[in-house]
Amino acid sequence: MSPTRRSAAVSNDAALQQAAPVFAALGDATRLRLVAVLCAGSAVSIAQLTSGTDITRQAVTKHLLVLAQAGLVHDVKVGRERRWQFDAARLTEAQRSLDAIAAQWDQALARLKRFVEQR
């Protein structure tokens, strides 16, 4: 592996390590649904998040805390109530990691294509 490729691989590894908690948090269907709801609008209370569902407030709170630890959501105090908001910055970072992986695949496929066409 060339020094340039090795450096890029190390950089990508670091980015993937930082993105891993985001992917882990989004790997749960309930948390993914919560993110989808939070993406749709402004700050939402836990009561609003549980309205019309069979999930308990305690369960939603636990899921929100996992999402918060991953940096995907944060809470805002409004009076005595905590409202939750989506924070797109960490998801954008994770998207860059996926873009880097996609670029690596594109490069590998281009090398394979060149190899096959030379034969």
C-alpha atoms as a PDB file:
ATOM      1  CA  MET A   1       0.000   0.000   0.000  1.00  0.00           C
ATOM      2  CA  SER A   2       1.391   3.388  -0.963  1.00  0.00           C
ATOM      3  CA  PRO A   3       2.037   6.015   1.758  1.00  0.00           C
ATOM      4  CA  THR A   4      -0.768   8.174   0.354  1.00  0.00           C
ATOM      5  CA  ARG A   5      -3.255   5.316   0.443  1.00  0.00           C
ATOM      6  CA  ARG A   6      -2.100   4.310   3.921  1.00  0.00           C
ATOM      7  CA  SER A   7      -2.592   7.884   5.159  1.00  0.00           C
ATOM      8  CA  ALA A   8      -6.067   8.015   3.599  1.00  0.00           C
ATOM      9  CA  ALA A   9      -6.943   4.660   5.166  1.00  0.00           C
ATOM     10  CA  VAL A  10      -5.840   5.860   8.622  1.00  0.00           C
ATOM     11  CA  SER A  11      -7.860   9.034   8.183  1.00  0.00           C
ATOM     12  CA  ASN A  12     -10.898   7.021   7.095  1.00  0.00           C
ATOM     13  CA  ASP A  13     -10.470   4.678  10.062  1.00  0.00           C
ATOM     14  CA  ALA A  14     -10.540   7.640  12.449  1.00  0.00           C
ATOM     15  CA  ALA A  15     -13.647   9.035  10.772  1.00  0.00           C
ATOM     16  CA  LEU A  16     -15.343   5.635  10.954  1.00  0.00           C
ATOM     17  CA  GLN A  17     -14.485   5.313  14.647  1.00  0.00           C
ATOM     18  CA  GLN A  18     -16.160   8.663  15.282  1.00  0.00           C
ATOM     19  CA  ALA A  19     -19.188   7.715  13.179  1.00  0.00           C
ATOM     20  CA  ALA A  20     -19.648   4.256  14.736  1.00  0.00           C
ATOM     21  CA  PRO A  21     -21.834   5.469  17.653  1.00  0.00           C
ATOM     22  CA  VAL A  22     -24.120   7.218  15.164  1.00  0.00           C
ATOM     23  CA  PHE A  23     -24.559   4.053  13.116  1.00  0.00           C
ATOM     24  CA  ALA A  24     -25.062   1.992  16.284  1.00  0.00           C
ATOM     25  CA  ALA A  25     -27.709   4.401  17.549  1.00  0.00           C
ATOM     26  CA  LEU A  26     -29.520   4.380  14.208  1.00  0.00           C
ATOM     27  CA  GLY A  27     -29.385   0.574  14.057  1.00  0.00           C
ATOM     28  CA  ASP A  28     -32.477   0.323  16.230  1.00  0.00           C
ATOM     29  CA  ALA A  29     -35.860   0.709  14.508  1.00  0.00           C
ATOM     30  CA  THR A  30     -37.406   2.675  17.385  1.00  0.00           C
ATOM     31  CA  ARG A  31     -34.528   5.150  17.490  1.00  0.00           C
ATOM     32  CA  LEU A  32     -34.607   5.505  13.729  1.00  0.00           C
ATOM     33  CA  ARG A  33     -38.322   6.294  13.942  1.00  0.00           C
ATOM     34  CA  LEU A  34     -37.666   8.869  16.663  1.00  0.00           C
ATOM     35  CA  VAL A  35     -35.032  10.550  14.499  1.00  0.00           C
ATOM     36  CA  ALA A  36     -37.478  10.629  11.586  1.00  0.00           C
ATOM     37  CA  VAL A  37     -40.106  12.293  13.771  1.00  0.00           C
ATOM     38  CA  LEU A  38     -37.605  14.794  15.162  1.00  0.00           C
ATOM     39  CA  CYS A  39     -36.338  15.638  11.666  1.00  0.00           C
ATOM     40  CA  ALA A  40     -39.821  16.692  10.642  1.00  0.00           C
ATOM     41  CA  GLY A  41     -40.099  19.736  12.868  1.00  0.00           C
ATOM     42  CA  SER A  42     -39.294  21.659  15.965  1.00  0.00           C
ATOM     43  CA  ALA A  43     -38.568  20.511  19.516  1.00  0.00           C
ATOM     44  CA  VAL A  44     -40.896  17.743  20.682  1.00  0.00           C
ATOM     45  CA  SER A  45     -41.745  16.509  24.162  1.00  0.00           C
ATOM     46  CA  ILE A  46     -41.590  12.869  25.202  1.00  0.00           C
ATOM     47  CA  ALA A  47     -45.375  12.930  25.607  1.00  0.00           C
ATOM     48  CA  GLN A  48     -45.695  14.021  21.983  1.00  0.00           C
ATOM     49  CA  LEU A  49     -43.236  11.345  20.867  1.00  0.00           C
ATOM     50  CA  THR A  50     -45.224   8.606  22.599  1.00  0.00           C
ATOM     51  CA  SER A  51     -48.646   9.851  21.547  1.00  0.00           C
ATOM     52  CA  GLY A  52     -50.373   7.291  19.344  1.00  0.00           C
ATOM     53  CA  THR A  53     -47.758   4.595  19.950  1.00  0.00           C
ATOM     54  CA  ASP A  54     -47.532   1.607  22.266  1.00  0.00           C
ATOM     55  CA  ILE A  55     -44.064   2.581  23.503  1.00  0.00           C
ATOM     56  CA  THR A  56     -43.747   3.886  27.051  1.00  0.00           C
ATOM     57  CA  ARG A  57     -42.304   7.245  28.018  1.00  0.00           C
ATOM     58  CA  GLN A  58     -39.537   5.435  29.890  1.00  0.00           C
ATOM     59  CA  ALA A  59     -38.570   3.494  26.779  1.00  0.00           C
ATOM     60  CA  VAL A  60     -38.570   6.657  24.645  1.00  0.00           C
ATOM     61  CA  THR A  61     -36.419   8.384  27.250  1.00  0.00           C
ATOM     62  CA  LYS A  62     -33.867   5.557  27.120  1.00  0.00           C
ATOM     63  CA  HIS A  63     -33.795   5.680  23.328  1.00  0.00           C
ATOM     64  CA  LEU A  64     -33.410   9.462  23.351  1.00  0.00           C
ATOM     65  CA  LEU A  65     -30.477   9.183  25.745  1.00  0.00           C
ATOM     66  CA  VAL A  66     -28.734   6.756  23.363  1.00  0.00           C
ATOM     67  CA  LEU A  67     -29.350   9.174  20.503  1.00  0.00           C
ATOM     68  CA  ALA A  68     -28.062  12.041  22.642  1.00  0.00           C
ATOM     69  CA  GLN A  69     -24.881  10.121  23.505  1.00  0.00           C
ATOM     70  CA  ALA A  70     -24.336   9.638  19.770  1.00  0.00           C
ATOM     71  CA  GLY A  71     -24.799  13.382  19.295  1.00  0.00           C
ATOM     72  CA  LEU A  72     -27.909  13.061  17.152  1.00  0.00           C
ATOM     73  CA  VAL A  73     -30.379  14.803  19.466  1.00  0.00           C
ATOM     74  CA  HIS A  74     -30.297  17.217  22.362  1.00  0.00           C
ATOM     75  CA  ASP A  75     -32.849  18.434  24.827  1.00  0.00           C
ATOM     76  CA  VAL A  76     -34.044  21.959  25.498  1.00  0.00           C
ATOM     77  CA  LYS A  77     -35.784  22.966  28.714  1.00  0.00           C
ATOM     78  CA  VAL A  78     -39.078  24.752  28.142  1.00  0.00           C
ATOM     79  CA  GLY A  79     -40.539  25.517  31.544  1.00  0.00           C
ATOM     80  CA  ARG A  80     -40.722  22.227  33.429  1.00  0.00           C
ATOM     81  CA  GLU A  81     -40.676  20.206  30.245  1.00  0.00           C
ATOM     82  CA  ARG A  82     -37.755  18.856  28.252  1.00  0.00           C
ATOM     83  CA  ARG A  83     -38.172  18.967  24.516  1.00  0.00           C
ATOM     84  CA  TRP A  84     -35.978  17.081  22.129  1.00  0.00           C
ATOM     85  CA  GLN A  85     -34.473  18.320  18.871  1.00  0.00           C
ATOM     86  CA  PHE A  86     -32.564  16.629  16.099  1.00  0.00           C
ATOM     87  CA  ASP A  87     -28.965  17.770  15.536  1.00  0.00           C
ATOM     88  CA  ALA A  88     -27.917  17.101  11.940  1.00  0.00           C
ATOM     89  CA  ALA A  89     -24.180  17.768  12.444  1.00  0.00           C
ATOM     90  CA  ARG A  90     -23.282  14.236  13.588  1.00  0.00           C
ATOM     91  CA  LEU A  91     -25.393  12.679  10.871  1.00  0.00           C
ATOM     92  CA  THR A  92     -23.592  14.835   8.319  1.00  0.00           C
ATOM     93  CA  GLU A  93     -20.247  13.578   9.664  1.00  0.00           C
ATOM     94  CA  ALA A  94     -21.483   9.989   9.378  1.00  0.00           C
ATOM     95  CA  GLN A  95     -22.616  10.683   5.818  1.00  0.00           C
ATOM     96  CA  ARG A  96     -19.093  11.851   4.974  1.00  0.00           C
ATOM     97  CA  SER A  97     -17.780   8.520   6.268  1.00  0.00           C
ATOM     98  CA  LEU A  98     -20.202   6.664   4.009  1.00  0.00           C
ATOM     99  CA  ASP A  99     -19.165   8.889   1.104  1.00  0.00           C
ATOM    100  CA  ALA A 100     -15.515   7.996   1.743  1.00  0.00           C
ATOM    101  CA  ILE A 101     -16.372   4.287   1.737  1.00  0.00           C
ATOM    102  CA  ALA A 102     -18.342   4.717  -1.480  1.00  0.00           C
ATOM    103  CA  ALA A 103     -15.387   6.510  -3.078  1.00  0.00           C
ATOM    104  CA  GLN A 104     -13.080   3.649  -2.061  1.00  0.00           C
ATOM    105  CA  TRP A 105     -15.457   1.148  -3.656  1.00  0.00           C
ATOM    106  CA  ASP A 106     -15.638   3.256  -6.812  1.00  0.00           C
ATOM    107  CA  GLN A 107     -11.842   3.352  -6.988  1.00  0.00           C
ATOM    108  CA  ALA A 108     -11.559  -0.395  -6.410  1.00  0.00           C
ATOM    109  CA  LEU A 109     -14.135  -1.133  -9.091  1.00  0.00           C
ATOM    110  CA  ALA A 110     -12.365   1.214 -11.515  1.00  0.00           C
ATOM    111  CA  ARG A 111      -9.070  -0.624 -10.865  1.00  0.00           C
ATOM    112  CA  LEU A 112     -10.802  -3.957 -11.390  1.00  0.00           C
ATOM    113  CA  LYS A 113     -12.359  -2.721 -14.625  1.00  0.00           C
ATOM    114  CA  ARG A 114      -8.992  -1.505 -15.924  1.00  0.00           C
ATOM    115  CA  PHE A 115      -7.420  -4.840 -14.985  1.00  0.00           C
ATOM    116  CA  VAL A 116     -10.110  -6.880 -16.730  1.00  0.00           C
ATOM    117  CA  GLU A 117     -10.059  -4.687 -19.835  1.00  0.00           C
ATOM    118  CA  GLN A 118      -6.271  -5.049 -20.139  1.00  0.00           C
ATOM    119  CA  ARG A 119      -6.535  -8.833 -20.330  1.00  0.00           C
END
